[in-house]
Amino acid sequence: MTLQMNRKPFITAAITGAGATQDKSHLVPRSPAEIAEAAIDAAQAGAAVVHCHVRDPETGAPCRDRALFREVTDRIRSSEVDVVLNLTAGTGGDLTFGDVETPMDLDASTDMIGATERMAHIRDCLPEICTLDCGSMNFGDGTYVMTNTTEMLRAMGRMMTELGVKPEIEAFDTGHLWFAKQLVKEGVLKDPALVQLCMGIPWGAPGDLNTFMAMVNNVPAGWTWSAFSLGRDEMPYVAAAALAGGNVRVGLEDNLYLDRGVFATNAQLVEKAATILSNMGASLMTPQEVRDQLGLVKRDMPVPA
């Protein structure tokens, strides 16, 4: 494949994520006010899209409280900063088995709910984009499985399409792209689709460039895609994604450090990514340009409760 660099990419800032990072860096935002402020700062630094999870304001633990999502949404929309809002719809598919001899003694961290409940905060907030984790996988070592059956994905995908919210397909391996194409073929999702290539997450697609290009080459022509990797590979993937024709994602969901031993803010990671792209000869898309490209509906003011 001949590489065709994307000279007009957009940056997505993944603000806080659902990982157990709350006690690893004091800069990981916890409360809705902190998450919204970090998202606004990231937008001012050059991010056209902000991808948001919520956390328990007291403990910092990931959660799916609808009121917290609504507060984050309202705070971002009521600010004077323009940005495309992308909310996670990945929570509620968390299956943690018991040990290898008693796997059905499920751990208390298991959080499995139905499609309608998984989409409740999306109906409340009506973001421009929400994520659709397009498959199941062993997520790191241990007994946790990120669980998304094909019928669950069909149900959630239909709800997103009916709500007019653009799904961002989270592809952690080539099979997830295969099923994403099936969802478009069936009319569950609209064509062209939006894809995030999630690299280097154990035990999905490894972060090497051969695998990355295999993922890129499996994205249908005409679809919009972004990519990211974790930790110290975050910034190299800014360059790799743009060089391969895609868009980029950075943020504290994926990497806590600006440099060795130096904790980062989301805005600092966006600034660093923007500098890399500028040095490559690229210029950043604005939020409105992203809306125009993806056919998104801007919602400025908080929606009614």
Protein backbone atom coordinates (compact mmCIF):
# COMPACT_ATOMS: atom_id res chain seq x y z
CA MET A 1 0.00 0.00 0.00
CA THR A 2 1.30 3.45 -0.91
CA LEU A 3 1.16 5.73 2.09
CA GLN A 4 -0.83 8.91 1.61
CA MET A 5 -0.31 11.20 4.56
CA ASN A 6 -3.33 12.94 6.01
CA ARG A 7 -2.30 16.60 5.93
CA LYS A 8 -5.56 17.74 7.55
CA PRO A 9 -6.14 15.39 10.53
CA PHE A 10 -8.19 15.92 13.65
CA ILE A 11 -7.12 15.16 17.20
CA THR A 12 -9.33 13.31 19.67
CA ALA A 13 -8.48 13.80 23.35
CA ALA A 14 -9.43 10.78 25.49
CA ILE A 15 -9.85 12.57 28.79
CA THR A 16 -9.96 10.00 31.60
CA GLY A 17 -10.96 6.49 30.44
CA ALA A 18 -12.13 3.54 32.51
CA GLY A 19 -8.77 2.17 33.60
CA ALA A 20 -7.52 2.03 37.18
CA THR A 21 -5.35 5.13 36.74
CA GLN A 22 -6.96 7.35 39.36
CA ASP A 23 -4.22 6.73 41.93
CA LYS A 24 -1.33 6.64 39.45
CA SER A 25 -1.39 10.32 38.56
CA HIS A 26 -2.88 13.24 40.47
CA LEU A 27 -3.71 14.83 37.12
CA VAL A 28 -6.32 12.22 36.13
CA PRO A 29 -9.64 14.11 36.38
CA ARG A 30 -12.30 12.62 38.67
CA SER A 31 -15.28 14.90 39.21
CA PRO A 32 -17.56 16.07 36.39
CA ALA A 33 -16.18 19.58 36.84
CA GLU A 34 -12.58 18.33 36.51
CA ILE A 35 -13.43 16.14 33.49
CA ALA A 36 -15.25 18.97 31.73
CA GLU A 37 -12.45 21.45 32.51
CA ALA A 38 -9.85 19.01 31.15
CA ALA A 39 -11.94 18.51 28.01
CA ILE A 40 -12.27 22.27 27.48
CA ASP A 41 -8.53 22.76 28.02
CA ALA A 42 -7.81 19.98 25.50
CA ALA A 43 -10.08 21.64 22.97
CA GLN A 44 -8.31 24.96 23.45
CA ALA A 45 -5.01 23.15 22.87
CA GLY A 46 -6.19 21.83 19.49
CA ALA A 47 -8.42 18.80 20.03
CA ALA A 48 -11.49 18.85 17.77
CA VAL A 49 -13.08 15.89 19.60
CA VAL A 50 -13.16 14.99 23.30
CA HIS A 51 -13.89 11.43 24.37
CA CYS A 52 -15.30 11.23 27.90
CA HIS A 53 -15.93 8.61 30.55
CA VAL A 54 -17.05 9.47 34.09
CA ARG A 55 -15.67 8.50 37.49
CA ASP A 56 -16.88 8.41 41.07
CA PRO A 57 -15.94 11.91 42.29
CA GLU A 58 -14.91 10.57 45.70
CA THR A 59 -12.90 7.48 44.81
CA GLY A 60 -11.98 8.17 41.20
CA ALA A 61 -13.19 4.67 40.26
CA PRO A 62 -14.79 4.37 36.81
CA CYS A 63 -18.58 4.34 36.85
CA ARG A 64 -21.59 4.82 34.58
CA ASP A 65 -23.76 7.20 36.61
CA ARG A 66 -26.14 8.95 34.21
CA ALA A 67 -26.22 12.14 36.28
CA LEU A 68 -22.43 12.43 36.07
CA PHE A 69 -22.49 12.03 32.29
CA ARG A 70 -25.18 14.68 32.10
CA GLU A 71 -23.17 17.10 34.24
CA VAL A 72 -20.05 16.63 32.12
CA THR A 73 -22.13 17.17 28.96
CA ASP A 74 -23.84 20.28 30.27
CA ARG A 75 -20.59 21.83 31.48
CA ILE A 76 -18.87 21.30 28.12
CA ARG A 77 -21.85 22.55 26.11
CA SER A 78 -22.36 25.63 28.26
CA SER A 79 -18.72 26.69 27.82
CA GLU A 80 -17.67 29.09 25.08
CA VAL A 81 -15.33 26.50 23.59
CA ASP A 82 -16.45 24.61 20.50
CA VAL A 83 -15.66 20.88 20.52
CA VAL A 84 -17.24 17.66 19.26
CA LEU A 85 -18.49 15.55 22.18
CA ASN A 86 -17.81 11.80 22.12
CA LEU A 87 -19.18 9.79 25.09
CA THR A 88 -18.31 6.20 25.86
CA ALA A 89 -21.00 3.54 25.50
CA GLY A 90 -18.59 0.81 26.51
CA THR A 91 -19.59 0.46 30.16
CA GLY A 92 -21.93 -2.32 31.27
CA GLY A 93 -20.17 -5.10 29.37
CA ASP A 94 -17.63 -5.97 32.06
CA LEU A 95 -17.44 -9.68 32.90
CA THR A 96 -14.94 -10.79 35.55
CA PHE A 97 -14.90 -14.53 36.12
CA GLY A 98 -13.94 -16.39 39.27
CA ASP A 99 -10.72 -18.38 39.42
CA VAL A 100 -9.85 -21.12 36.95
CA GLU A 101 -11.61 -23.83 38.98
CA THR A 102 -14.78 -21.85 39.77
CA PRO A 103 -15.18 -19.48 36.82
CA MET A 104 -18.90 -18.95 37.37
CA ASP A 105 -18.28 -17.49 40.83
CA LEU A 106 -18.25 -14.07 39.22
CA ASP A 107 -16.20 -11.32 40.81
CA ALA A 108 -18.06 -8.40 42.38
CA SER A 109 -16.59 -6.10 39.72
CA THR A 110 -18.75 -7.78 37.06
CA ASP A 111 -21.10 -5.21 35.55
CA MET A 112 -23.34 -6.69 32.86
CA ILE A 113 -26.46 -4.81 31.79
CA GLY A 114 -28.76 -4.81 28.78
CA ALA A 115 -28.47 -2.76 25.60
CA THR A 116 -31.17 -0.25 26.56
CA GLU A 117 -29.53 0.48 29.91
CA ARG A 118 -26.08 0.69 28.34
CA MET A 119 -27.45 3.39 26.05
CA ALA A 120 -29.41 5.31 28.71
CA HIS A 121 -26.87 8.11 29.16
CA ILE A 122 -26.51 8.45 25.39
CA ARG A 123 -30.27 9.06 25.12
CA ASP A 124 -30.00 11.56 28.00
CA CYS A 125 -27.08 13.53 26.59
CA LEU A 126 -27.29 13.02 22.81
CA PRO A 127 -23.58 13.52 22.12
CA GLU A 128 -22.47 13.91 18.53
CA ILE A 129 -20.46 10.66 18.74
CA CYS A 130 -20.49 7.64 21.05
CA THR A 131 -18.27 4.57 21.05
CA LEU A 132 -19.19 1.04 19.99
CA ASP A 133 -16.62 -1.55 21.14
CA CYS A 134 -17.02 -3.86 18.18
CA GLY A 135 -16.18 -7.22 19.80
CA SER A 136 -15.17 -9.11 22.92
CA MET A 137 -11.64 -9.75 24.14
CA ASN A 138 -9.47 -10.77 27.07
CA PHE A 139 -8.49 -7.34 28.38
CA GLY A 140 -5.10 -7.72 30.02
CA ASP A 141 -4.15 -10.60 32.30
CA GLY A 142 -6.48 -12.15 34.83
CA THR A 143 -10.14 -13.07 34.54
CA TYR A 144 -11.70 -9.91 33.05
CA VAL A 145 -13.35 -10.10 29.62
CA MET A 146 -14.67 -7.08 27.73
CA THR A 147 -17.95 -8.59 26.56
CA ASN A 148 -19.89 -7.46 23.49
CA THR A 149 -21.87 -10.17 21.71
CA THR A 150 -22.87 -9.75 18.09
CA GLU A 151 -26.53 -9.34 19.03
CA MET A 152 -25.66 -6.76 21.72
CA LEU A 153 -23.70 -4.79 19.15
CA ARG A 154 -26.53 -4.97 16.64
CA ALA A 155 -29.00 -3.71 19.24
CA MET A 156 -26.77 -0.87 20.43
CA GLY A 157 -25.81 0.06 16.88
CA ARG A 158 -29.46 0.36 15.86
CA MET A 159 -30.15 2.58 18.88
CA MET A 160 -27.24 4.87 17.98
CA THR A 161 -28.42 5.15 14.39
CA GLU A 162 -32.01 5.87 15.46
CA LEU A 163 -30.83 8.56 17.89
CA GLY A 164 -28.74 10.27 15.21
CA VAL A 165 -25.55 9.74 17.23
CA LYS A 166 -22.52 8.74 15.15
CA PRO A 167 -20.98 5.46 16.35
CA GLU A 168 -17.21 5.43 16.67
CA ILE A 169 -16.31 1.79 16.11
CA GLU A 170 -13.59 0.77 18.55
CA ALA A 171 -11.58 -1.92 16.77
CA PHE A 172 -9.15 -3.79 19.02
CA ASP A 173 -8.34 -6.45 16.41
CA THR A 174 -8.98 -7.29 12.76
CA GLY A 175 -12.06 -9.38 13.60
CA HIS A 176 -13.70 -6.29 15.07
CA LEU A 177 -13.28 -4.53 11.74
CA TRP A 178 -14.71 -7.58 9.98
CA PHE A 179 -17.86 -7.38 12.12
CA ALA A 180 -18.07 -3.60 11.71
CA LYS A 181 -18.26 -4.11 7.96
CA GLN A 182 -21.02 -6.65 8.56
CA LEU A 183 -23.00 -4.11 10.61
CA VAL A 184 -22.76 -1.63 7.73
CA LYS A 185 -23.72 -4.32 5.22
CA GLU A 186 -26.83 -5.13 7.30
CA GLY A 187 -27.78 -1.46 7.54
CA VAL A 188 -27.33 -1.35 11.32
CA LEU A 189 -24.70 1.37 10.90
CA LYS A 190 -24.57 3.96 8.15
CA ASP A 191 -21.92 3.99 5.46
CA PRO A 192 -19.36 5.58 5.62
CA ALA A 193 -18.48 4.61 9.19
CA LEU A 194 -16.08 6.07 11.76
CA VAL A 195 -13.39 3.80 13.23
CA GLN A 196 -10.85 4.05 16.04
CA LEU A 197 -7.95 1.59 15.71
CA CYS A 198 -6.93 0.63 19.26
CA MET A 199 -3.37 -0.67 19.19
CA GLY A 200 -1.10 -2.27 21.76
CA ILE A 201 -3.78 -3.26 24.29
CA PRO A 202 -3.20 -6.75 25.73
CA TRP A 203 -4.53 -8.98 24.25
CA GLY A 204 -5.82 -7.28 21.16
CA ALA A 205 -3.86 -6.10 18.14
CA PRO A 206 -0.20 -5.61 19.09
CA GLY A 207 1.30 -2.19 18.51
CA ASP A 208 3.84 -3.18 15.85
CA LEU A 209 3.63 -1.43 12.50
CA ASN A 210 2.99 -4.59 10.49
CA THR A 211 -0.16 -5.26 12.49
CA PHE A 212 -1.09 -1.60 12.38
CA MET A 213 -0.93 -1.54 8.60
CA ALA A 214 -2.96 -4.74 8.45
CA MET A 215 -5.62 -2.92 10.47
CA VAL A 216 -5.39 0.17 8.25
CA ASN A 217 -5.69 -1.94 5.11
CA ASN A 218 -8.88 -3.53 6.48
CA VAL A 219 -10.64 -0.17 6.85
CA PRO A 220 -12.93 0.28 3.81
CA ALA A 221 -12.21 3.15 1.43
CA GLY A 222 -14.26 6.18 2.32
CA TRP A 223 -14.47 5.43 6.05
CA THR A 224 -12.90 7.91 8.49
CA TRP A 225 -10.43 6.42 10.94
CA SER A 226 -8.14 7.35 13.80
CA ALA A 227 -5.56 5.35 15.73
CA PHE A 228 -3.73 5.36 19.03
CA SER A 229 -1.40 3.26 21.13
CA LEU A 230 -0.50 3.24 24.81
CA GLY A 231 2.17 4.69 27.06
CA ARG A 232 5.44 5.63 25.41
CA ASP A 233 4.01 4.57 22.03
CA GLU A 234 1.33 7.26 22.16
CA MET A 235 3.31 9.98 20.41
CA PRO A 236 4.97 7.73 17.81
CA TYR A 237 1.44 6.69 16.83
CA VAL A 238 0.49 10.31 16.28
CA ALA A 239 3.03 10.34 13.45
CA ALA A 240 2.24 6.81 12.28
CA ALA A 241 -1.51 7.41 12.06
CA ALA A 242 -1.16 10.66 10.12
CA LEU A 243 1.46 9.16 7.81
CA ALA A 244 -0.85 6.22 7.04
CA GLY A 245 -3.71 8.58 6.17
CA GLY A 246 -5.65 8.68 9.44
CA ASN A 247 -6.45 10.90 12.39
CA VAL A 248 -4.97 10.73 15.88
CA ARG A 249 -5.94 10.25 19.50
CA VAL A 250 -4.04 11.17 22.64
CA GLY A 251 -5.00 11.71 26.26
CA LEU A 252 -4.75 10.41 29.81
CA GLU A 253 -6.92 7.41 28.99
CA ASP A 254 -3.96 6.05 27.04
CA ASN A 255 -0.84 7.57 28.60
CA LEU A 256 -0.12 9.45 31.84
CA TYR A 257 3.27 10.94 30.98
CA LEU A 258 4.53 13.92 29.04
CA ASP A 259 8.09 12.68 29.39
CA ARG A 260 9.88 10.12 31.52
CA GLY A 261 8.75 10.70 35.11
CA VAL A 262 6.75 13.82 34.20
CA PHE A 263 2.98 13.54 34.58
CA ALA A 264 0.94 15.14 31.80
CA THR A 265 -2.35 16.95 31.51
CA ASN A 266 -4.64 16.22 28.58
CA ALA A 267 -3.95 19.68 27.15
CA GLN A 268 -0.20 19.10 27.24
CA LEU A 269 -0.58 15.80 25.37
CA VAL A 270 -2.73 17.52 22.74
CA GLU A 271 -0.18 20.32 22.39
CA LYS A 272 2.62 17.78 21.92
CA ALA A 273 0.62 15.90 19.30
CA ALA A 274 -0.23 19.14 17.51
CA THR A 275 3.47 20.06 17.39
CA ILE A 276 4.35 16.67 15.88
CA LEU A 277 1.68 17.06 13.22
CA SER A 278 2.70 20.64 12.47
CA ASN A 279 6.32 19.57 12.07
CA MET A 280 5.13 16.95 9.58
CA GLY A 281 3.47 19.67 7.52
CA ALA A 282 -0.10 18.98 8.64
CA SER A 283 -2.74 21.43 9.85
CA LEU A 284 -5.53 20.51 12.27
CA MET A 285 -9.21 20.18 11.48
CA THR A 286 -11.56 22.36 13.48
CA PRO A 287 -14.60 20.92 15.29
CA GLN A 288 -16.91 22.28 12.59
CA GLU A 289 -14.80 20.72 9.84
CA VAL A 290 -15.10 17.38 11.66
CA ARG A 291 -18.88 17.82 11.82
CA ASP A 292 -19.00 18.63 8.12
CA GLN A 293 -16.90 15.58 7.23
CA LEU A 294 -18.82 13.14 9.43
CA GLY A 295 -22.31 14.60 9.04
CA LEU A 296 -22.66 15.39 12.74
CA VAL A 297 -25.37 17.48 14.38
CA LYS A 298 -24.03 20.17 16.70
CA ARG A 299 -25.89 20.60 19.97
CA ASP A 300 -24.77 23.77 21.70
CA MET A 301 -27.08 23.97 24.67
CA PRO A 302 -27.91 21.35 27.30
CA VAL A 303 -30.74 19.10 26.19
CA PRO A 304 -33.92 18.91 28.30
CA ALA A 305 -33.91 16.39 31.16
